[in-house]
Amino acid sequence: MTRHAAPDAASTNATAAALIAAARELSVAVDALDFSPAASHVYNPLGYAWAAHEAYLRRYGAGRKRVVFLGMNPGPFGMAQCGVPFGEVAAVRDWLGIVTPIGKPAHENPKKPVEGFACTRSEVSGRRLWGLFRERFGTAEAFFAEHFVANWCPLAFFDDGRNLTPDKLPAALTAPLTAACDAHLRYVVAALRPEWVVGIGGFAEARAQEALAGMDVRIGRILHPSPASPAANRDWAGTATRQLAALGLWGEAA
């Protein structure tokens, strides 16, 4: 495996600072958007869960990465609760070592309350993703030495009690969102300078292909770990590992 030269402390800190500044800018941009009437509630965890998200970027976004894993948007029991992409609460607390106070969205959905680190519901996609990384690398520090996890869109959308993903929203409403999120992804890739961006699912791969066209980065894809996917429910970790091995990024598990 090719490894990047170890960056000095100044460049490492500068990378994390650049990601923090970009996330703040994205948060302001998406807060100005209106998704009614398609979405009854919109959560922006870059606002009410900023302390946790900033801690994640500061601790794990430092320095150059070889691979950036890219998800779609926050899940209702993951990043929407704790501000970390694919942020299954137990994984963020116990493996990433991040626990901070979490606020409330300005317009909270009573059917999808934000309980922060007190949330007892498990985000299955996040549990599977971080579980694979924990099993393969042991420590979060070992994983993040060359990898990073980001979401294309920072917002969670609800139609009453139903979770909506960005691809289910009308195109007329999402054009400004797409522009803001694509620009942010380009900024993240420019800061982290990865060799690969790996979409977690087809939507993320497609956004990466379009947003990063012309940039010096390779695009790949792994199966999304959603429990709504029958394929993901049949040994998702094994499938993802084989897909990463086929890309030449990981060796297959013994």
C-alpha atoms as a PDB file:
ATOM      1  CA  MET A   1       0.000   0.000   0.000  1.00  0.00           C
ATOM      2  CA  THR A   2       1.351   3.383  -0.973  1.00  0.00           C
ATOM      3  CA  ARG A   3       1.492   5.761   1.958  1.00  0.00           C
ATOM      4  CA  HIS A   4       1.724   9.512   1.872  1.00  0.00           C
ATOM      5  CA  ALA A   5       4.649  11.217   3.498  1.00  0.00           C
ATOM      6  CA  ALA A   6       3.834  12.266   7.039  1.00  0.00           C
ATOM      7  CA  PRO A   7       2.691  15.912   7.024  1.00  0.00           C
ATOM      8  CA  ASP A   8       4.055  18.389   9.477  1.00  0.00           C
ATOM      9  CA  ALA A   9       1.843  19.665  12.292  1.00  0.00           C
ATOM     10  CA  ALA A  10       1.191  23.000  10.603  1.00  0.00           C
ATOM     11  CA  SER A  11      -0.111  21.488   7.366  1.00  0.00           C
ATOM     12  CA  THR A  12      -2.135  18.905   9.298  1.00  0.00           C
ATOM     13  CA  ASN A  13      -3.821  21.579  11.383  1.00  0.00           C
ATOM     14  CA  ALA A  14      -4.390  23.691   8.282  1.00  0.00           C
ATOM     15  CA  THR A  15      -6.233  20.840   6.582  1.00  0.00           C
ATOM     16  CA  ALA A  16      -8.616  20.402   9.503  1.00  0.00           C
ATOM     17  CA  ALA A  17      -9.119  24.164   9.712  1.00  0.00           C
ATOM     18  CA  ALA A  18      -9.970  24.278   5.992  1.00  0.00           C
ATOM     19  CA  LEU A  19     -12.587  21.534   6.432  1.00  0.00           C
ATOM     20  CA  ILE A  20     -14.102  23.363   9.406  1.00  0.00           C
ATOM     21  CA  ALA A  21     -14.333  26.623   7.455  1.00  0.00           C
ATOM     22  CA  ALA A  22     -15.885  24.827   4.477  1.00  0.00           C
ATOM     23  CA  ALA A  23     -18.467  23.114   6.692  1.00  0.00           C
ATOM     24  CA  ARG A  24     -19.466  26.435   8.232  1.00  0.00           C
ATOM     25  CA  GLU A  25     -19.886  27.947   4.783  1.00  0.00           C
ATOM     26  CA  LEU A  26     -21.969  24.981   3.611  1.00  0.00           C
ATOM     27  CA  SER A  27     -24.169  25.227   6.699  1.00  0.00           C
ATOM     28  CA  VAL A  28     -24.947  28.886   5.987  1.00  0.00           C
ATOM     29  CA  ALA A  29     -25.648  28.129   2.316  1.00  0.00           C
ATOM     30  CA  VAL A  30     -28.110  25.297   2.940  1.00  0.00           C
ATOM     31  CA  ASP A  31     -29.854  27.125   5.781  1.00  0.00           C
ATOM     32  CA  ALA A  32     -30.988  29.693   3.234  1.00  0.00           C
ATOM     33  CA  LEU A  33     -32.817  27.101   1.131  1.00  0.00           C
ATOM     34  CA  ASP A  34     -36.529  26.259   1.234  1.00  0.00           C
ATOM     35  CA  PHE A  35     -37.746  22.703   0.612  1.00  0.00           C
ATOM     36  CA  SER A  36     -41.451  23.184   1.241  1.00  0.00           C
ATOM     37  CA  PRO A  37     -43.908  21.758   0.477  1.00  0.00           C
ATOM     38  CA  ALA A  38     -41.989  18.557  -0.319  1.00  0.00           C
ATOM     39  CA  ALA A  39     -40.414  18.351   3.156  1.00  0.00           C
ATOM     40  CA  SER A  40     -42.330  19.125   6.338  1.00  0.00           C
ATOM     41  CA  HIS A  41     -39.120  19.302   8.408  1.00  0.00           C
ATOM     42  CA  VAL A  42     -35.461  19.848   7.522  1.00  0.00           C
ATOM     43  CA  TYR A  43     -32.648  19.232  10.001  1.00  0.00           C
ATOM     44  CA  ASN A  44     -29.194  20.803   9.651  1.00  0.00           C
ATOM     45  CA  PRO A  45     -26.855  19.069  12.120  1.00  0.00           C
ATOM     46  CA  LEU A  46     -24.065  21.420  11.059  1.00  0.00           C
ATOM     47  CA  GLY A  47     -26.031  23.923  13.160  1.00  0.00           C
ATOM     48  CA  TYR A  48     -27.532  22.299  16.260  1.00  0.00           C
ATOM     49  CA  ALA A  49     -24.850  19.536  16.405  1.00  0.00           C
ATOM     50  CA  TRP A  50     -21.938  21.742  15.338  1.00  0.00           C
ATOM     51  CA  ALA A  51     -19.781  20.990  18.390  1.00  0.00           C
ATOM     52  CA  ALA A  52     -19.702  17.280  17.538  1.00  0.00           C
ATOM     53  CA  HIS A  53     -19.138  17.865  13.830  1.00  0.00           C
ATOM     54  CA  GLU A  54     -16.315  20.293  14.486  1.00  0.00           C
ATOM     55  CA  ALA A  55     -14.732  17.816  16.908  1.00  0.00           C
ATOM     56  CA  TYR A  56     -14.915  15.132  14.205  1.00  0.00           C
ATOM     57  CA  LEU A  57     -13.255  17.361  11.602  1.00  0.00           C
ATOM     58  CA  ARG A  58     -10.616  18.645  13.971  1.00  0.00           C
ATOM     59  CA  ARG A  59      -9.692  15.213  15.294  1.00  0.00           C
ATOM     60  CA  TYR A  60      -9.973  13.102  12.155  1.00  0.00           C
ATOM     61  CA  GLY A  61      -9.810  15.531   9.218  1.00  0.00           C
ATOM     62  CA  ALA A  62      -6.192  16.498   9.749  1.00  0.00           C
ATOM     63  CA  GLY A  63      -3.676  15.742   7.031  1.00  0.00           C
ATOM     64  CA  ARG A  64      -3.908  14.180   3.593  1.00  0.00           C
ATOM     65  CA  LYS A  65      -6.066  11.069   3.060  1.00  0.00           C
ATOM     66  CA  ARG A  66      -5.752   8.281   0.540  1.00  0.00           C
ATOM     67  CA  VAL A  67      -9.484   7.454   0.406  1.00  0.00           C
ATOM     68  CA  VAL A  68     -12.579   9.548   1.098  1.00  0.00           C
ATOM     69  CA  PHE A  69     -15.764   7.535   1.604  1.00  0.00           C
ATOM     70  CA  LEU A  70     -18.789   9.577   0.539  1.00  0.00           C
ATOM     71  CA  GLY A  71     -22.346   9.070   1.763  1.00  0.00           C
ATOM     72  CA  MET A  72     -25.573  10.730   0.670  1.00  0.00           C
ATOM     73  CA  ASN A  73     -27.019  12.616   3.668  1.00  0.00           C
ATOM     74  CA  PRO A  74     -27.698  12.167   7.408  1.00  0.00           C
ATOM     75  CA  GLY A  75     -29.860   9.358   8.684  1.00  0.00           C
ATOM     76  CA  PRO A  76     -32.484  10.161  11.328  1.00  0.00           C
ATOM     77  CA  PHE A  77     -30.732   8.090  14.012  1.00  0.00           C
ATOM     78  CA  GLY A  78     -27.179   8.800  12.880  1.00  0.00           C
ATOM     79  CA  MET A  79     -25.741  12.157  11.883  1.00  0.00           C
ATOM     80  CA  ALA A  80     -29.083  13.809  12.629  1.00  0.00           C
ATOM     81  CA  GLN A  81     -28.529  12.825  16.269  1.00  0.00           C
ATOM     82  CA  CYS A  82     -24.790  13.306  16.739  1.00  0.00           C
ATOM     83  CA  GLY A  83     -23.404  15.432  13.892  1.00  0.00           C
ATOM     84  CA  VAL A  84     -21.019  12.789  12.485  1.00  0.00           C
ATOM     85  CA  PRO A  85     -21.484  11.169   9.044  1.00  0.00           C
ATOM     86  CA  PHE A  86     -23.024   7.694   9.369  1.00  0.00           C
ATOM     87  CA  GLY A  87     -22.913   8.555  13.058  1.00  0.00           C
ATOM     88  CA  GLU A  88     -24.438   5.575  14.819  1.00  0.00           C
ATOM     89  CA  VAL A  89     -24.376   6.928  18.374  1.00  0.00           C
ATOM     90  CA  ALA A  90     -22.576   4.002  20.014  1.00  0.00           C
ATOM     91  CA  ALA A  91     -19.842   4.000  17.352  1.00  0.00           C
ATOM     92  CA  VAL A  92     -19.283   7.752  17.606  1.00  0.00           C
ATOM     93  CA  ARG A  93     -19.182   7.655  21.392  1.00  0.00           C
ATOM     94  CA  ASP A  94     -17.243   4.435  21.947  1.00  0.00           C
ATOM     95  CA  TRP A  95     -14.983   4.129  18.889  1.00  0.00           C
ATOM     96  CA  LEU A  96     -14.502   7.676  17.669  1.00  0.00           C
ATOM     97  CA  GLY A  97     -14.438   8.991  21.233  1.00  0.00           C
ATOM     98  CA  ILE A  98     -16.680  11.978  20.504  1.00  0.00           C
ATOM     99  CA  VAL A  99     -19.366  13.038  22.991  1.00  0.00           C
ATOM    100  CA  THR A 100     -20.654  16.613  23.104  1.00  0.00           C
ATOM    101  CA  PRO A 101     -23.884  18.401  23.995  1.00  0.00           C
ATOM    102  CA  ILE A 102     -26.321  18.387  21.067  1.00  0.00           C
ATOM    103  CA  GLY A 103     -28.912  21.086  20.556  1.00  0.00           C
ATOM    104  CA  LYS A 104     -32.268  20.977  18.807  1.00  0.00           C
ATOM    105  CA  PRO A 105     -33.375  21.862  15.265  1.00  0.00           C
ATOM    106  CA  ALA A 106     -35.293  25.103  15.013  1.00  0.00           C
ATOM    107  CA  HIS A 107     -38.364  23.209  13.770  1.00  0.00           C
ATOM    108  CA  GLU A 108     -38.243  19.751  15.351  1.00  0.00           C
ATOM    109  CA  ASN A 109     -40.343  16.921  14.004  1.00  0.00           C
ATOM    110  CA  PRO A 110     -42.174  15.330  16.973  1.00  0.00           C
ATOM    111  CA  LYS A 111     -42.032  12.008  15.135  1.00  0.00           C
ATOM    112  CA  LYS A 112     -38.241  12.260  14.729  1.00  0.00           C
ATOM    113  CA  PRO A 113     -36.970  13.946  17.915  1.00  0.00           C
ATOM    114  CA  VAL A 114     -33.295  14.792  18.320  1.00  0.00           C
ATOM    115  CA  GLU A 115     -32.028  13.203  21.523  1.00  0.00           C
ATOM    116  CA  GLY A 116     -28.315  13.523  20.820  1.00  0.00           C
ATOM    117  CA  PHE A 117     -26.085  10.997  22.540  1.00  0.00           C
ATOM    118  CA  ALA A 118     -29.057   9.880  24.639  1.00  0.00           C
ATOM    119  CA  CYS A 119     -30.636   8.375  21.497  1.00  0.00           C
ATOM    120  CA  THR A 120     -31.047   4.623  21.969  1.00  0.00           C
ATOM    121  CA  ARG A 121     -32.038   3.835  18.379  1.00  0.00           C
ATOM    122  CA  SER A 122     -29.271   2.314  16.289  1.00  0.00           C
ATOM    123  CA  GLU A 123     -28.542   3.645  12.798  1.00  0.00           C
ATOM    124  CA  VAL A 124     -28.003   0.328  11.035  1.00  0.00           C
ATOM    125  CA  SER A 125     -26.073   1.779   8.086  1.00  0.00           C
ATOM    126  CA  GLY A 126     -23.666   3.510  10.455  1.00  0.00           C
ATOM    127  CA  ARG A 127     -23.315   0.469  12.667  1.00  0.00           C
ATOM    128  CA  ARG A 128     -22.356  -1.633   9.674  1.00  0.00           C
ATOM    129  CA  LEU A 129     -19.971   0.939   8.176  1.00  0.00           C
ATOM    130  CA  TRP A 130     -18.066   1.834  11.326  1.00  0.00           C
ATOM    131  CA  GLY A 131     -18.189  -1.808  12.433  1.00  0.00           C
ATOM    132  CA  LEU A 132     -16.334  -2.853   9.283  1.00  0.00           C
ATOM    133  CA  PHE A 133     -13.710  -0.169   9.812  1.00  0.00           C
ATOM    134  CA  ARG A 134     -13.296  -1.124  13.466  1.00  0.00           C
ATOM    135  CA  GLU A 135     -12.925  -4.803  12.612  1.00  0.00           C
ATOM    136  CA  ARG A 136     -10.344  -4.117   9.922  1.00  0.00           C
ATOM    137  CA  PHE A 137      -8.281  -1.333  11.531  1.00  0.00           C
ATOM    138  CA  GLY A 138      -8.781  -1.793  15.255  1.00  0.00           C
ATOM    139  CA  THR A 139      -8.549   1.851  16.260  1.00  0.00           C
ATOM    140  CA  ALA A 140     -10.128   4.956  14.797  1.00  0.00           C
ATOM    141  CA  GLU A 141      -6.692   6.542  14.562  1.00  0.00           C
ATOM    142  CA  ALA A 142      -5.443   3.696  12.365  1.00  0.00           C
ATOM    143  CA  PHE A 143      -8.430   4.016  10.027  1.00  0.00           C
ATOM    144  CA  PHE A 144      -8.285   7.809   9.744  1.00  0.00           C
ATOM    145  CA  ALA A 145      -4.549   7.796   9.046  1.00  0.00           C
ATOM    146  CA  GLU A 146      -5.454   7.281   5.375  1.00  0.00           C
ATOM    147  CA  HIS A 147      -9.262   7.397   5.234  1.00  0.00           C
ATOM    148  CA  PHE A 148     -12.073   9.844   5.853  1.00  0.00           C
ATOM    149  CA  VAL A 149     -15.885   9.672   5.803  1.00  0.00           C
ATOM    150  CA  ALA A 150     -18.036  12.559   4.568  1.00  0.00           C
ATOM    151  CA  ASN A 151     -21.598  13.137   3.422  1.00  0.00           C
ATOM    152  CA  TRP A 152     -22.451  14.899   0.182  1.00  0.00           C
ATOM    153  CA  CYS A 153     -25.454  16.679   1.741  1.00  0.00           C
ATOM    154  CA  PRO A 154     -25.578  17.775   5.400  1.00  0.00           C
ATOM    155  CA  LEU A 155     -29.378  17.953   5.644  1.00  0.00           C
ATOM    156  CA  ALA A 156     -31.948  15.394   6.791  1.00  0.00           C
ATOM    157  CA  PHE A 157     -35.416  15.699   5.265  1.00  0.00           C
ATOM    158  CA  PHE A 158     -38.761  14.454   6.534  1.00  0.00           C
ATOM    159  CA  ASP A 159     -42.246  14.294   5.106  1.00  0.00           C
ATOM    160  CA  ASP A 160     -44.139  14.148   8.393  1.00  0.00           C
ATOM    161  CA  GLY A 161     -42.744  10.938   9.922  1.00  0.00           C
ATOM    162  CA  ARG A 162     -41.139   9.620   6.745  1.00  0.00           C
ATOM    163  CA  ASN A 163     -37.427  10.055   6.064  1.00  0.00           C
ATOM    164  CA  LEU A 164     -36.700  11.561   2.623  1.00  0.00           C
ATOM    165  CA  THR A 165     -33.405  11.265   0.807  1.00  0.00           C
ATOM    166  CA  PRO A 166     -32.323  14.096  -1.529  1.00  0.00           C
ATOM    167  CA  ASP A 167     -33.019  12.041  -4.643  1.00  0.00           C
ATOM    168  CA  LYS A 168     -36.698  11.848  -3.642  1.00  0.00           C
ATOM    169  CA  LEU A 169     -37.118  15.643  -3.637  1.00  0.00           C
ATOM    170  CA  PRO A 170     -38.316  17.564  -6.715  1.00  0.00           C
ATOM    171  CA  ALA A 171     -35.455  18.640  -8.958  1.00  0.00           C
ATOM    172  CA  ALA A 172     -36.667  22.237  -8.921  1.00  0.00           C
ATOM    173  CA  LEU A 173     -36.118  22.356  -5.169  1.00  0.00           C
ATOM    174  CA  THR A 174     -32.766  20.607  -5.149  1.00  0.00           C
ATOM    175  CA  ALA A 175     -30.870  22.543  -7.837  1.00  0.00           C
ATOM    176  CA  PRO A 176     -29.442  25.107  -5.350  1.00  0.00           C
ATOM    177  CA  LEU A 177     -28.715  22.298  -2.873  1.00  0.00           C
ATOM    178  CA  THR A 178     -26.831  20.339  -5.513  1.00  0.00           C
ATOM    179  CA  ALA A 179     -24.748  23.393  -6.401  1.00  0.00           C
ATOM    180  CA  ALA A 180     -23.821  24.034  -2.760  1.00  0.00           C
ATOM    181  CA  CYS A 181     -23.058  20.390  -1.954  1.00  0.00           C
ATOM    182  CA  ASP A 182     -21.034  19.805  -5.136  1.00  0.00           C
ATOM    183  CA  ALA A 183     -18.961  22.906  -4.401  1.00  0.00           C
ATOM    184  CA  HIS A 184     -18.347  21.722  -0.853  1.00  0.00           C
ATOM    185  CA  LEU A 185     -17.288  18.262  -2.071  1.00  0.00           C
ATOM    186  CA  ARG A 186     -14.773  19.841  -4.430  1.00  0.00           C
ATOM    187  CA  TYR A 187     -13.401  21.860  -1.526  1.00  0.00           C
ATOM    188  CA  VAL A 188     -13.086  18.752   0.649  1.00  0.00           C
ATOM    189  CA  VAL A 189     -11.242  16.884  -2.089  1.00  0.00           C
ATOM    190  CA  ALA A 190      -8.935  19.840  -2.719  1.00  0.00           C
ATOM    191  CA  ALA A 191      -8.112  19.986   1.000  1.00  0.00           C
ATOM    192  CA  LEU A 192      -7.626  16.248   1.620  1.00  0.00           C
ATOM    193  CA  ARG A 193      -6.095  15.459  -1.815  1.00  0.00           C
ATOM    194  CA  PRO A 194      -7.239  11.822  -1.865  1.00  0.00           C
ATOM    195  CA  GLU A 195      -6.358   9.330  -4.559  1.00  0.00           C
ATOM    196  CA  TRP A 196      -9.888   7.919  -4.398  1.00  0.00           C
ATOM    197  CA  VAL A 197     -13.408   9.031  -3.574  1.00  0.00           C
ATOM    198  CA  VAL A 198     -15.548   5.970  -2.931  1.00  0.00           C
ATOM    199  CA  GLY A 199     -19.289   6.506  -3.098  1.00  0.00           C
ATOM    200  CA  ILE A 200     -21.262   4.587  -0.504  1.00  0.00           C
ATOM    201  CA  GLY A 201     -24.075   3.658  -2.851  1.00  0.00           C
ATOM    202  CA  GLY A 202     -24.949   4.713  -6.370  1.00  0.00           C
ATOM    203  CA  PHE A 203     -26.238   8.198  -5.612  1.00  0.00           C
ATOM    204  CA  ALA A 204     -23.015   9.275  -3.891  1.00  0.00           C
ATOM    205  CA  GLU A 205     -20.911   7.779  -6.668  1.00  0.00           C
ATOM    206  CA  ALA A 206     -22.922   9.673  -9.291  1.00  0.00           C
ATOM    207  CA  ARG A 207     -22.590  12.977  -7.435  1.00  0.00           C
ATOM    208  CA  ALA A 208     -18.842  12.436  -7.100  1.00  0.00           C
ATOM    209  CA  GLN A 209     -18.503  11.641 -10.801  1.00  0.00           C
ATOM    210  CA  GLU A 210     -20.255  14.852 -11.776  1.00  0.00           C
ATOM    211  CA  ALA A 211     -18.944  17.221  -9.104  1.00  0.00           C
ATOM    212  CA  LEU A 212     -15.319  16.095  -9.372  1.00  0.00           C
ATOM    213  CA  ALA A 213     -15.059  15.874 -13.150  1.00  0.00           C
ATOM    214  CA  GLY A 214     -11.660  17.197 -14.198  1.00  0.00           C
ATOM    215  CA  MET A 215     -10.092  16.807 -10.749  1.00  0.00           C
ATOM    216  CA  ASP A 216      -7.178  14.453 -10.188  1.00  0.00           C
ATOM    217  CA  VAL A 217      -9.063  11.786  -8.243  1.00  0.00           C
ATOM    218  CA  ARG A 218     -10.419   8.339  -9.022  1.00  0.00           C
ATOM    219  CA  ILE A 219     -14.053   7.460  -8.291  1.00  0.00           C
ATOM    220  CA  GLY A 220     -15.298   4.108  -7.018  1.00  0.00           C
ATOM    221  CA  ARG A 221     -18.320   2.637  -5.311  1.00  0.00           C
ATOM    222  CA  ILE A 222     -19.322   0.169  -2.632  1.00  0.00           C
ATOM    223  CA  LEU A 223     -22.741  -1.188  -1.750  1.00  0.00           C
ATOM    224  CA  HIS A 224     -24.711   1.028   0.608  1.00  0.00           C
ATOM    225  CA  PRO A 225     -25.160  -0.669   4.016  1.00  0.00           C
ATOM    226  CA  SER A 226     -28.836   0.280   4.327  1.00  0.00           C
ATOM    227  CA  PRO A 227     -31.082  -2.409   5.841  1.00  0.00           C
ATOM    228  CA  ALA A 228     -33.591  -1.512   3.106  1.00  0.00           C
ATOM    229  CA  SER A 229     -31.246  -3.234   0.634  1.00  0.00           C
ATOM    230  CA  PRO A 230     -31.636  -7.029   0.436  1.00  0.00           C
ATOM    231  CA  ALA A 231     -28.078  -7.268  -0.890  1.00  0.00           C
ATOM    232  CA  ALA A 232     -26.752  -5.312   2.101  1.00  0.00           C
ATOM    233  CA  ASN A 233     -28.540  -7.686   4.455  1.00  0.00           C
ATOM    234  CA  ARG A 234     -26.577 -10.599   2.984  1.00  0.00           C
ATOM    235  CA  ASP A 235     -23.078 -10.068   4.410  1.00  0.00           C
ATOM    236  CA  TRP A 236     -22.655  -6.357   3.640  1.00  0.00           C
ATOM    237  CA  ALA A 237     -19.174  -6.276   5.211  1.00  0.00           C
ATOM    238  CA  GLY A 238     -17.952  -9.115   3.027  1.00  0.00           C
ATOM    239  CA  THR A 239     -19.406  -7.546  -0.110  1.00  0.00           C
ATOM    240  CA  ALA A 240     -17.901  -4.118   0.637  1.00  0.00           C
ATOM    241  CA  THR A 241     -14.514  -5.669   1.399  1.00  0.00           C
ATOM    242  CA  ARG A 242     -14.525  -7.542  -1.906  1.00  0.00           C
ATOM    243  CA  GLN A 243     -15.523  -4.389  -3.772  1.00  0.00           C
ATOM    244  CA  LEU A 244     -12.691  -2.426  -2.173  1.00  0.00           C
ATOM    245  CA  ALA A 245     -10.278  -5.243  -2.983  1.00  0.00           C
ATOM    246  CA  ALA A 246     -11.420  -5.136  -6.624  1.00  0.00           C
ATOM    247  CA  LEU A 247     -10.602  -1.405  -6.664  1.00  0.00           C
ATOM    248  CA  GLY A 248      -7.145  -2.235  -5.342  1.00  0.00           C
ATOM    249  CA  LEU A 249      -7.720  -0.336  -2.095  1.00  0.00           C
ATOM    250  CA  TRP A 250      -7.883  -3.190   0.407  1.00  0.00           C
ATOM    251  CA  GLY A 251      -6.763  -6.783   0.382  1.00  0.00           C
ATOM    252  CA  GLU A 252      -9.605  -9.235   0.903  1.00  0.00           C
ATOM    253  CA  ALA A 253     -10.189 -10.444   4.439  1.00  0.00           C
ATOM    254  CA  ALA A 254      -8.583 -13.736   5.299  1.00  0.00           C
END
